[in-house]
Amino acid sequence: MTGPASPDVVDLAVVEAQLGRAPRAVHGIAHRCPCGNPDVVCTQPRLEDGTPFPTTFYLTCPRAASMIGTLEASGLMTKMSQRLEADEELARAYRRAHEAYLAFRESIADVPEIRGVSAGGMPTRVKCLHVLAGQALGQGRGVNPLGDEVLDLMGDFWAAGPCVQGPGEDR
């Protein structure tokens, strides 16, 4: 990933429609769905009110988020965490994903309160598949092996068309 694209007014309106609320501290668009809408935003590591915010890659597509919620309810996070304990190679790759997450966030800003803390349970467990998928989309496949697995399980989540319509688009 070369860096997030600057969001425009339409991007921010789409993200607001996706989230059902105004987006907070958007640094850029980390990934776009094949339909053209943002589906992952890159957030500032500190919110406007000064609160530290470790979730750098924030999944915004409600269709993808719903599919991931179903995966979480299936017990997948526990199974992935167990695999991390048993598979040294997977654990090393997951630690590298954690380090890539931290390096990217620190390239935006250093926030001492969250220094060394990534998201999603990294580097030792899995507690949020949304974060892993967000990183896999935002930083690209091959960075987070478990995020890649989540994307594989989701399949073509965009195939039904845009999750929301942008301003001025036909509904």
N, C-alpha and C. Protein backbone atom coordinates (compact mmCIF):
# COMPACT_ATOMS: atom_id res chain seq x y z
N MET A 1 0.85 -1.18 0.00
CA MET A 1 0.00 0.00 0.00
C MET A 1 0.89 1.23 0.00
N THR A 2 0.61 2.14 -0.87
CA THR A 2 1.41 3.35 -0.98
C THR A 2 0.96 4.42 0.00
N GLY A 3 -0.20 4.31 0.51
CA GLY A 3 -0.73 5.30 1.44
C GLY A 3 -2.19 5.54 1.14
N PRO A 4 -2.93 5.95 2.14
CA PRO A 4 -4.36 6.15 1.92
C PRO A 4 -4.63 7.35 1.02
N ALA A 5 -5.68 7.23 0.22
CA ALA A 5 -6.10 8.34 -0.63
C ALA A 5 -6.87 9.35 0.21
N SER A 6 -6.68 10.61 -0.08
CA SER A 6 -7.41 11.64 0.65
C SER A 6 -8.90 11.50 0.35
N PRO A 7 -9.73 11.53 1.39
CA PRO A 7 -11.17 11.42 1.14
C PRO A 7 -11.73 12.73 0.61
N ASP A 8 -12.72 12.61 -0.27
CA ASP A 8 -13.41 13.82 -0.72
C ASP A 8 -14.78 13.85 -0.03
N VAL A 9 -15.56 14.85 -0.34
CA VAL A 9 -16.87 15.05 0.30
C VAL A 9 -17.78 13.85 0.03
N VAL A 10 -17.74 13.31 -1.19
CA VAL A 10 -18.57 12.16 -1.52
C VAL A 10 -18.13 10.94 -0.71
N ASP A 11 -16.81 10.70 -0.61
CA ASP A 11 -16.32 9.58 0.19
C ASP A 11 -16.83 9.67 1.63
N LEU A 12 -16.72 10.85 2.21
CA LEU A 12 -17.14 11.02 3.60
C LEU A 12 -18.64 10.83 3.75
N ALA A 13 -19.42 11.26 2.76
CA ALA A 13 -20.87 11.05 2.80
C ALA A 13 -21.21 9.56 2.69
N VAL A 14 -20.48 8.84 1.85
CA VAL A 14 -20.70 7.39 1.72
C VAL A 14 -20.36 6.70 3.03
N VAL A 15 -19.23 7.05 3.62
CA VAL A 15 -18.83 6.43 4.89
C VAL A 15 -19.87 6.74 5.98
N GLU A 16 -20.37 7.96 6.00
CA GLU A 16 -21.42 8.30 6.97
C GLU A 16 -22.66 7.44 6.76
N ALA A 17 -23.05 7.23 5.51
CA ALA A 17 -24.21 6.38 5.22
C ALA A 17 -23.92 4.92 5.63
N GLN A 18 -22.70 4.47 5.40
CA GLN A 18 -22.34 3.10 5.77
C GLN A 18 -22.41 2.90 7.28
N LEU A 19 -21.88 3.87 8.02
CA LEU A 19 -21.80 3.74 9.47
C LEU A 19 -23.08 4.15 10.20
N GLY A 20 -23.90 4.97 9.53
CA GLY A 20 -25.09 5.50 10.19
C GLY A 20 -24.76 6.61 11.16
N ARG A 21 -23.57 7.17 11.02
CA ARG A 21 -23.11 8.28 11.86
C ARG A 21 -21.96 8.96 11.14
N ALA A 22 -21.64 10.15 11.58
CA ALA A 22 -20.50 10.86 10.99
C ALA A 22 -19.21 10.09 11.31
N PRO A 23 -18.34 9.92 10.32
CA PRO A 23 -17.07 9.26 10.60
C PRO A 23 -16.18 10.16 11.45
N ARG A 24 -15.30 9.53 12.21
CA ARG A 24 -14.41 10.27 13.10
C ARG A 24 -12.97 10.14 12.65
N ALA A 25 -12.27 11.25 12.66
CA ALA A 25 -10.81 11.28 12.48
C ALA A 25 -10.33 10.52 11.24
N VAL A 26 -11.01 10.67 10.13
CA VAL A 26 -10.60 9.98 8.91
C VAL A 26 -9.31 10.60 8.38
N HIS A 27 -8.31 9.78 8.26
CA HIS A 27 -7.02 10.19 7.69
C HIS A 27 -7.03 9.99 6.18
N GLY A 28 -7.69 8.92 5.73
CA GLY A 28 -7.73 8.64 4.31
C GLY A 28 -8.56 7.42 4.01
N ILE A 29 -8.70 7.13 2.74
CA ILE A 29 -9.40 5.93 2.28
C ILE A 29 -8.33 4.86 2.09
N ALA A 30 -8.39 3.82 2.91
CA ALA A 30 -7.38 2.76 2.86
C ALA A 30 -7.68 1.72 1.79
N HIS A 31 -8.96 1.55 1.46
CA HIS A 31 -9.33 0.57 0.43
C HIS A 31 -10.70 0.92 -0.12
N ARG A 32 -10.86 0.63 -1.39
CA ARG A 32 -12.16 0.79 -2.05
C ARG A 32 -12.68 -0.57 -2.50
N CYS A 33 -13.95 -0.75 -2.30
CA CYS A 33 -14.65 -1.92 -2.80
C CYS A 33 -14.61 -1.90 -4.33
N PRO A 34 -14.72 -3.05 -4.97
CA PRO A 34 -14.79 -3.04 -6.43
C PRO A 34 -15.94 -2.17 -6.98
N CYS A 35 -16.97 -1.90 -6.15
CA CYS A 35 -18.07 -1.03 -6.60
C CYS A 35 -17.65 0.44 -6.62
N GLY A 36 -16.50 0.76 -6.03
CA GLY A 36 -16.00 2.12 -6.00
C GLY A 36 -16.14 2.83 -4.67
N ASN A 37 -17.02 2.34 -3.81
CA ASN A 37 -17.19 2.96 -2.48
C ASN A 37 -16.00 2.64 -1.58
N PRO A 38 -15.69 3.53 -0.65
CA PRO A 38 -14.72 3.16 0.39
C PRO A 38 -15.28 1.97 1.17
N ASP A 39 -14.42 1.05 1.57
CA ASP A 39 -14.87 0.00 2.48
C ASP A 39 -13.96 -0.10 3.71
N VAL A 40 -12.82 0.57 3.66
CA VAL A 40 -11.93 0.68 4.83
C VAL A 40 -11.38 2.10 4.85
N VAL A 41 -11.55 2.75 5.99
CA VAL A 41 -10.92 4.06 6.16
C VAL A 41 -9.72 3.90 7.08
N CYS A 42 -8.77 4.75 6.86
CA CYS A 42 -7.61 4.85 7.74
C CYS A 42 -7.93 5.99 8.70
N THR A 43 -7.86 5.72 9.98
CA THR A 43 -8.19 6.74 10.97
C THR A 43 -6.93 7.30 11.63
N GLN A 44 -7.06 8.51 12.08
CA GLN A 44 -6.00 9.12 12.88
C GLN A 44 -5.86 8.32 14.17
N PRO A 45 -4.67 8.19 14.72
CA PRO A 45 -4.51 7.45 15.97
C PRO A 45 -4.97 8.23 17.21
N ARG A 46 -5.44 9.44 16.99
CA ARG A 46 -6.03 10.21 18.09
C ARG A 46 -7.28 10.88 17.53
N LEU A 47 -8.41 10.66 18.20
CA LEU A 47 -9.66 11.27 17.75
C LEU A 47 -9.64 12.76 18.01
N GLU A 48 -10.61 13.45 17.42
CA GLU A 48 -10.69 14.90 17.53
C GLU A 48 -10.74 15.39 18.97
N ASP A 49 -11.34 14.58 19.86
CA ASP A 49 -11.45 14.98 21.27
C ASP A 49 -10.22 14.63 22.09
N GLY A 50 -9.19 14.07 21.42
CA GLY A 50 -7.95 13.73 22.10
C GLY A 50 -7.84 12.28 22.53
N THR A 51 -8.90 11.51 22.39
CA THR A 51 -8.90 10.11 22.79
C THR A 51 -7.99 9.29 21.88
N PRO A 52 -7.07 8.50 22.44
CA PRO A 52 -6.27 7.60 21.61
C PRO A 52 -7.18 6.58 20.92
N PHE A 53 -6.89 6.27 19.67
CA PHE A 53 -7.72 5.36 18.90
C PHE A 53 -6.82 4.39 18.14
N PRO A 54 -6.68 3.15 18.63
CA PRO A 54 -5.73 2.23 18.01
C PRO A 54 -6.20 1.60 16.70
N THR A 55 -7.48 1.68 16.37
CA THR A 55 -7.99 1.01 15.17
C THR A 55 -7.69 1.85 13.94
N THR A 56 -6.57 1.59 13.32
CA THR A 56 -6.11 2.36 12.17
C THR A 56 -6.90 2.02 10.91
N PHE A 57 -7.18 0.75 10.69
CA PHE A 57 -7.91 0.29 9.51
C PHE A 57 -9.33 -0.06 9.95
N TYR A 58 -10.27 0.83 9.65
CA TYR A 58 -11.63 0.71 10.15
C TYR A 58 -12.55 0.29 9.01
N LEU A 59 -13.09 -0.91 9.10
CA LEU A 59 -13.98 -1.45 8.09
C LEU A 59 -15.31 -0.71 8.14
N THR A 60 -15.75 -0.15 7.02
CA THR A 60 -16.96 0.66 7.00
C THR A 60 -18.12 0.02 6.25
N CYS A 61 -17.86 -0.93 5.39
CA CYS A 61 -18.93 -1.54 4.58
C CYS A 61 -19.84 -2.37 5.47
N PRO A 62 -21.13 -2.01 5.56
CA PRO A 62 -22.02 -2.76 6.45
C PRO A 62 -22.24 -4.20 5.99
N ARG A 63 -22.20 -4.44 4.70
CA ARG A 63 -22.37 -5.82 4.22
C ARG A 63 -21.19 -6.68 4.68
N ALA A 64 -19.98 -6.17 4.50
CA ALA A 64 -18.79 -6.91 4.94
C ALA A 64 -18.80 -7.07 6.46
N ALA A 65 -19.16 -6.01 7.17
CA ALA A 65 -19.19 -6.08 8.64
C ALA A 65 -20.19 -7.12 9.13
N SER A 66 -21.33 -7.21 8.47
CA SER A 66 -22.34 -8.21 8.85
C SER A 66 -21.83 -9.63 8.60
N MET A 67 -21.20 -9.83 7.46
CA MET A 67 -20.65 -11.16 7.15
C MET A 67 -19.59 -11.55 8.18
N ILE A 68 -18.78 -10.58 8.56
CA ILE A 68 -17.73 -10.87 9.55
C ILE A 68 -18.36 -11.14 10.91
N GLY A 69 -19.43 -10.44 11.24
CA GLY A 69 -20.13 -10.72 12.50
C GLY A 69 -20.61 -12.16 12.55
N THR A 70 -21.09 -12.66 11.43
CA THR A 70 -21.52 -14.06 11.36
C THR A 70 -20.34 -14.99 11.58
N LEU A 71 -19.20 -14.67 10.98
CA LEU A 71 -17.99 -15.47 11.19
C LEU A 71 -17.57 -15.45 12.65
N GLU A 72 -17.63 -14.28 13.27
CA GLU A 72 -17.27 -14.18 14.70
C GLU A 72 -18.20 -15.05 15.55
N ALA A 73 -19.49 -15.02 15.24
CA ALA A 73 -20.46 -15.81 16.01
C ALA A 73 -20.25 -17.32 15.84
N SER A 74 -19.55 -17.71 14.79
CA SER A 74 -19.32 -19.14 14.53
C SER A 74 -18.22 -19.73 15.41
N GLY A 75 -17.51 -18.88 16.15
CA GLY A 75 -16.41 -19.36 16.98
C GLY A 75 -15.06 -19.31 16.28
N LEU A 76 -15.01 -18.66 15.13
CA LEU A 76 -13.78 -18.63 14.35
C LEU A 76 -12.61 -17.99 15.11
N MET A 77 -12.89 -16.96 15.91
CA MET A 77 -11.80 -16.28 16.62
C MET A 77 -11.10 -17.24 17.58
N THR A 78 -11.86 -18.06 18.29
CA THR A 78 -11.27 -19.03 19.21
C THR A 78 -10.41 -20.04 18.46
N LYS A 79 -10.92 -20.51 17.33
CA LYS A 79 -10.16 -21.48 16.54
C LYS A 79 -8.87 -20.86 16.02
N MET A 80 -8.93 -19.61 15.57
CA MET A 80 -7.73 -18.94 15.09
C MET A 80 -6.72 -18.74 16.22
N SER A 81 -7.21 -18.35 17.39
CA SER A 81 -6.32 -18.16 18.54
C SER A 81 -5.64 -19.48 18.92
N GLN A 82 -6.38 -20.57 18.85
CA GLN A 82 -5.80 -21.88 19.16
C GLN A 82 -4.73 -22.24 18.12
N ARG A 83 -4.97 -21.92 16.88
CA ARG A 83 -3.98 -22.18 15.84
C ARG A 83 -2.71 -21.37 16.08
N LEU A 84 -2.86 -20.13 16.55
CA LEU A 84 -1.69 -19.30 16.85
C LEU A 84 -0.82 -19.95 17.92
N GLU A 85 -1.45 -20.58 18.90
CA GLU A 85 -0.70 -21.25 19.97
C GLU A 85 0.03 -22.49 19.47
N ALA A 86 -0.54 -23.15 18.48
CA ALA A 86 0.00 -24.43 18.01
C ALA A 86 0.94 -24.31 16.81
N ASP A 87 0.86 -23.22 16.08
CA ASP A 87 1.58 -23.09 14.81
C ASP A 87 2.56 -21.91 14.90
N GLU A 88 3.85 -22.24 15.10
CA GLU A 88 4.87 -21.19 15.27
C GLU A 88 5.01 -20.31 14.04
N GLU A 89 4.91 -20.89 12.86
CA GLU A 89 5.05 -20.11 11.63
C GLU A 89 3.88 -19.11 11.50
N LEU A 90 2.68 -19.56 11.79
CA LEU A 90 1.52 -18.67 11.75
C LEU A 90 1.68 -17.57 12.80
N ALA A 91 2.15 -17.93 13.99
CA ALA A 91 2.34 -16.94 15.05
C ALA A 91 3.37 -15.88 14.64
N ARG A 92 4.44 -16.31 13.98
CA ARG A 92 5.45 -15.35 13.50
C ARG A 92 4.86 -14.42 12.44
N ALA A 93 4.10 -14.95 11.52
CA ALA A 93 3.47 -14.13 10.48
C ALA A 93 2.47 -13.15 11.09
N TYR A 94 1.75 -13.59 12.10
CA TYR A 94 0.77 -12.73 12.76
C TYR A 94 1.48 -11.61 13.53
N ARG A 95 2.62 -11.93 14.13
CA ARG A 95 3.42 -10.90 14.81
C ARG A 95 3.93 -9.87 13.79
N ARG A 96 4.34 -10.33 12.62
CA ARG A 96 4.76 -9.39 11.57
C ARG A 96 3.59 -8.50 11.14
N ALA A 97 2.39 -9.05 11.10
CA ALA A 97 1.20 -8.24 10.78
C ALA A 97 1.00 -7.17 11.85
N HIS A 98 1.16 -7.53 13.09
CA HIS A 98 1.08 -6.59 14.21
C HIS A 98 2.11 -5.48 14.03
N GLU A 99 3.34 -5.85 13.70
CA GLU A 99 4.41 -4.86 13.51
C GLU A 99 4.12 -3.95 12.33
N ALA A 100 3.55 -4.51 11.25
CA ALA A 100 3.20 -3.69 10.07
C ALA A 100 2.09 -2.71 10.43
N TYR A 101 1.15 -3.15 11.24
CA TYR A 101 0.05 -2.30 11.69
C TYR A 101 0.61 -1.12 12.49
N LEU A 102 1.48 -1.44 13.45
CA LEU A 102 2.08 -0.39 14.28
C LEU A 102 2.91 0.58 13.46
N ALA A 103 3.71 0.07 12.55
CA ALA A 103 4.56 0.94 11.73
C ALA A 103 3.71 1.88 10.89
N PHE A 104 2.62 1.36 10.33
CA PHE A 104 1.76 2.22 9.52
C PHE A 104 1.14 3.31 10.39
N ARG A 105 0.59 2.92 11.53
CA ARG A 105 -0.04 3.91 12.41
C ARG A 105 0.97 4.96 12.86
N GLU A 106 2.15 4.54 13.22
CA GLU A 106 3.17 5.47 13.67
C GLU A 106 3.65 6.39 12.55
N SER A 107 3.46 5.98 11.29
CA SER A 107 3.80 6.86 10.18
C SER A 107 2.81 8.03 10.08
N ILE A 108 1.65 7.85 10.67
CA ILE A 108 0.65 8.93 10.71
C ILE A 108 0.92 9.83 11.91
N ALA A 109 1.06 9.23 13.08
CA ALA A 109 1.35 9.99 14.30
C ALA A 109 1.73 9.03 15.41
N ASP A 110 2.58 9.48 16.29
CA ASP A 110 2.95 8.71 17.47
C ASP A 110 2.03 9.13 18.61
N VAL A 111 1.33 8.16 19.16
CA VAL A 111 0.45 8.41 20.31
C VAL A 111 0.97 7.52 21.44
N PRO A 112 1.68 8.12 22.40
CA PRO A 112 2.33 7.32 23.44
C PRO A 112 1.40 6.37 24.19
N GLU A 113 0.15 6.77 24.39
CA GLU A 113 -0.77 5.94 25.17
C GLU A 113 -1.07 4.60 24.51
N ILE A 114 -0.91 4.51 23.20
CA ILE A 114 -1.20 3.25 22.50
C ILE A 114 0.03 2.68 21.80
N ARG A 115 1.18 3.21 22.13
CA ARG A 115 2.42 2.71 21.53
C ARG A 115 2.55 1.21 21.82
N GLY A 116 2.79 0.42 20.81
CA GLY A 116 2.94 -1.02 20.96
C GLY A 116 1.63 -1.80 20.95
N VAL A 117 0.51 -1.11 20.95
CA VAL A 117 -0.81 -1.75 20.94
C VAL A 117 -1.38 -1.63 19.54
N SER A 118 -1.61 -2.75 18.90
CA SER A 118 -2.24 -2.68 17.58
C SER A 118 -3.74 -2.81 17.77
N ALA A 119 -4.35 -3.84 17.23
CA ALA A 119 -5.80 -4.00 17.37
C ALA A 119 -6.14 -5.44 17.05
N GLY A 120 -7.36 -5.81 17.36
CA GLY A 120 -7.84 -7.14 16.99
C GLY A 120 -7.24 -8.28 17.78
N GLY A 121 -6.51 -7.98 18.86
CA GLY A 121 -5.88 -9.02 19.67
C GLY A 121 -4.44 -9.31 19.29
N MET A 122 -3.98 -8.69 18.20
CA MET A 122 -2.60 -8.94 17.78
C MET A 122 -1.65 -8.51 18.89
N PRO A 123 -0.56 -9.17 19.06
CA PRO A 123 0.01 -10.23 18.25
C PRO A 123 -0.21 -11.64 18.77
N THR A 124 -0.94 -11.83 19.87
CA THR A 124 -0.99 -13.16 20.48
C THR A 124 -2.33 -13.87 20.41
N ARG A 125 -3.40 -13.16 20.08
CA ARG A 125 -4.71 -13.79 20.02
C ARG A 125 -5.57 -13.09 18.98
N VAL A 126 -6.75 -13.61 18.77
CA VAL A 126 -7.68 -13.02 17.81
C VAL A 126 -8.93 -12.63 18.58
N LYS A 127 -9.24 -11.33 18.58
CA LYS A 127 -10.45 -10.89 19.27
C LYS A 127 -11.38 -10.06 18.40
N CYS A 128 -10.97 -9.72 17.17
CA CYS A 128 -11.84 -8.95 16.28
C CYS A 128 -11.47 -9.21 14.83
N LEU A 129 -12.35 -9.93 14.15
CA LEU A 129 -12.10 -10.24 12.74
C LEU A 129 -12.26 -9.03 11.84
N HIS A 130 -13.07 -8.05 12.27
CA HIS A 130 -13.25 -6.83 11.49
C HIS A 130 -11.91 -6.11 11.29
N VAL A 131 -11.13 -6.05 12.36
CA VAL A 131 -9.83 -5.38 12.29
C VAL A 131 -8.88 -6.15 11.37
N LEU A 132 -8.90 -7.48 11.47
CA LEU A 132 -8.00 -8.28 10.64
C LEU A 132 -8.35 -8.12 9.16
N ALA A 133 -9.64 -8.14 8.85
CA ALA A 133 -10.06 -7.94 7.46
C ALA A 133 -9.73 -6.52 7.00
N GLY A 134 -9.93 -5.54 7.87
CA GLY A 134 -9.59 -4.16 7.53
C GLY A 134 -8.12 -4.00 7.21
N GLN A 135 -7.27 -4.64 7.99
CA GLN A 135 -5.84 -4.57 7.70
C GLN A 135 -5.52 -5.29 6.39
N ALA A 136 -6.12 -6.46 6.17
CA ALA A 136 -5.85 -7.21 4.95
C ALA A 136 -6.27 -6.41 3.71
N LEU A 137 -7.38 -5.69 3.80
CA LEU A 137 -7.80 -4.85 2.68
C LEU A 137 -6.92 -3.60 2.59
N GLY A 138 -6.69 -2.95 3.72
CA GLY A 138 -5.97 -1.68 3.73
C GLY A 138 -4.49 -1.79 3.40
N GLN A 139 -3.84 -2.85 3.87
CA GLN A 139 -2.42 -3.01 3.60
C GLN A 139 -2.14 -4.03 2.52
N GLY A 140 -3.15 -4.75 2.11
CA GLY A 140 -3.01 -5.72 1.02
C GLY A 140 -2.84 -7.14 1.52
N ARG A 141 -3.20 -8.05 0.65
CA ARG A 141 -3.03 -9.47 0.98
C ARG A 141 -1.56 -9.78 1.19
N GLY A 142 -1.33 -10.74 2.08
CA GLY A 142 0.03 -11.16 2.37
C GLY A 142 0.61 -10.49 3.61
N VAL A 143 -0.07 -9.47 4.13
CA VAL A 143 0.42 -8.79 5.34
C VAL A 143 -0.10 -9.50 6.59
N ASN A 144 -1.38 -9.84 6.62
CA ASN A 144 -1.97 -10.49 7.79
C ASN A 144 -2.61 -11.81 7.34
N PRO A 145 -1.98 -12.94 7.68
CA PRO A 145 -2.49 -14.21 7.18
C PRO A 145 -3.91 -14.52 7.66
N LEU A 146 -4.23 -14.15 8.86
CA LEU A 146 -5.58 -14.42 9.36
C LEU A 146 -6.59 -13.46 8.75
N GLY A 147 -6.18 -12.24 8.48
CA GLY A 147 -7.04 -11.30 7.76
C GLY A 147 -7.33 -11.81 6.36
N ASP A 148 -6.31 -12.38 5.71
CA ASP A 148 -6.50 -12.96 4.38
C ASP A 148 -7.52 -14.11 4.45
N GLU A 149 -7.44 -14.92 5.49
CA GLU A 149 -8.39 -16.02 5.65
C GLU A 149 -9.82 -15.49 5.80
N VAL A 150 -9.97 -14.42 6.56
CA VAL A 150 -11.30 -13.83 6.73
C VAL A 150 -11.83 -13.36 5.37
N LEU A 151 -10.99 -12.68 4.60
CA LEU A 151 -11.43 -12.23 3.27
C LEU A 151 -11.82 -13.42 2.39
N ASP A 152 -11.06 -14.50 2.46
CA ASP A 152 -11.40 -15.69 1.68
C ASP A 152 -12.76 -16.24 2.09
N LEU A 153 -13.03 -16.29 3.38
CA LEU A 153 -14.31 -16.80 3.88
C LEU A 153 -15.48 -15.91 3.50
N MET A 154 -15.23 -14.61 3.39
CA MET A 154 -16.29 -13.67 3.02
C MET A 154 -16.67 -13.81 1.55
N GLY A 155 -15.75 -14.20 0.73
CA GLY A 155 -16.03 -14.29 -0.70
C GLY A 155 -16.26 -12.91 -1.30
N ASP A 156 -17.05 -12.86 -2.33
CA ASP A 156 -17.30 -11.62 -3.06
C ASP A 156 -18.42 -10.83 -2.39
N PHE A 157 -18.13 -10.24 -1.26
CA PHE A 157 -19.15 -9.53 -0.48
C PHE A 157 -19.76 -8.36 -1.24
N TRP A 158 -19.11 -7.89 -2.25
CA TRP A 158 -19.57 -6.74 -3.04
C TRP A 158 -20.45 -7.14 -4.23
N ALA A 159 -20.58 -8.43 -4.49
CA ALA A 159 -21.21 -8.89 -5.73
C ALA A 159 -22.66 -8.40 -5.89
N ALA A 160 -23.36 -8.15 -4.82
CA ALA A 160 -24.76 -7.69 -4.91
C ALA A 160 -24.86 -6.21 -5.27
N GLY A 161 -23.72 -5.54 -5.41
CA GLY A 161 -23.71 -4.12 -5.73
C GLY A 161 -23.36 -3.29 -4.51
N PRO A 162 -23.33 -1.99 -4.69
CA PRO A 162 -22.93 -1.11 -3.59
C PRO A 162 -23.79 -1.30 -2.34
N CYS A 163 -23.15 -1.24 -1.18
CA CYS A 163 -23.87 -1.39 0.08
C CYS A 163 -24.71 -0.14 0.38
N VAL A 164 -24.26 1.00 -0.09
CA VAL A 164 -25.00 2.26 0.02
C VAL A 164 -24.78 3.04 -1.27
N GLN A 165 -25.66 3.97 -1.53
CA GLN A 165 -25.53 4.84 -2.69
C GLN A 165 -24.87 6.13 -2.26
N GLY A 166 -24.01 6.63 -3.09
CA GLY A 166 -23.39 7.92 -2.84
C GLY A 166 -24.37 9.05 -3.09
N PRO A 167 -24.07 10.25 -2.63
CA PRO A 167 -24.96 11.39 -2.86
C PRO A 167 -25.19 11.61 -4.35
N GLY A 168 -26.44 11.80 -4.70
CA GLY A 168 -26.78 12.08 -6.08
C GLY A 168 -26.90 10.86 -6.97
N GLU A 169 -26.63 9.66 -6.45
CA GLU A 169 -26.75 8.44 -7.25
C GLU A 169 -28.20 7.97 -7.22
N ASP A 170 -28.62 7.34 -8.29
CA ASP A 170 -29.97 6.77 -8.35
C ASP A 170 -30.10 5.66 -7.34
N ARG A 171 -31.23 5.58 -6.72
CA ARG A 171 -31.47 4.52 -5.73
C ARG A 171 -32.32 3.43 -6.31
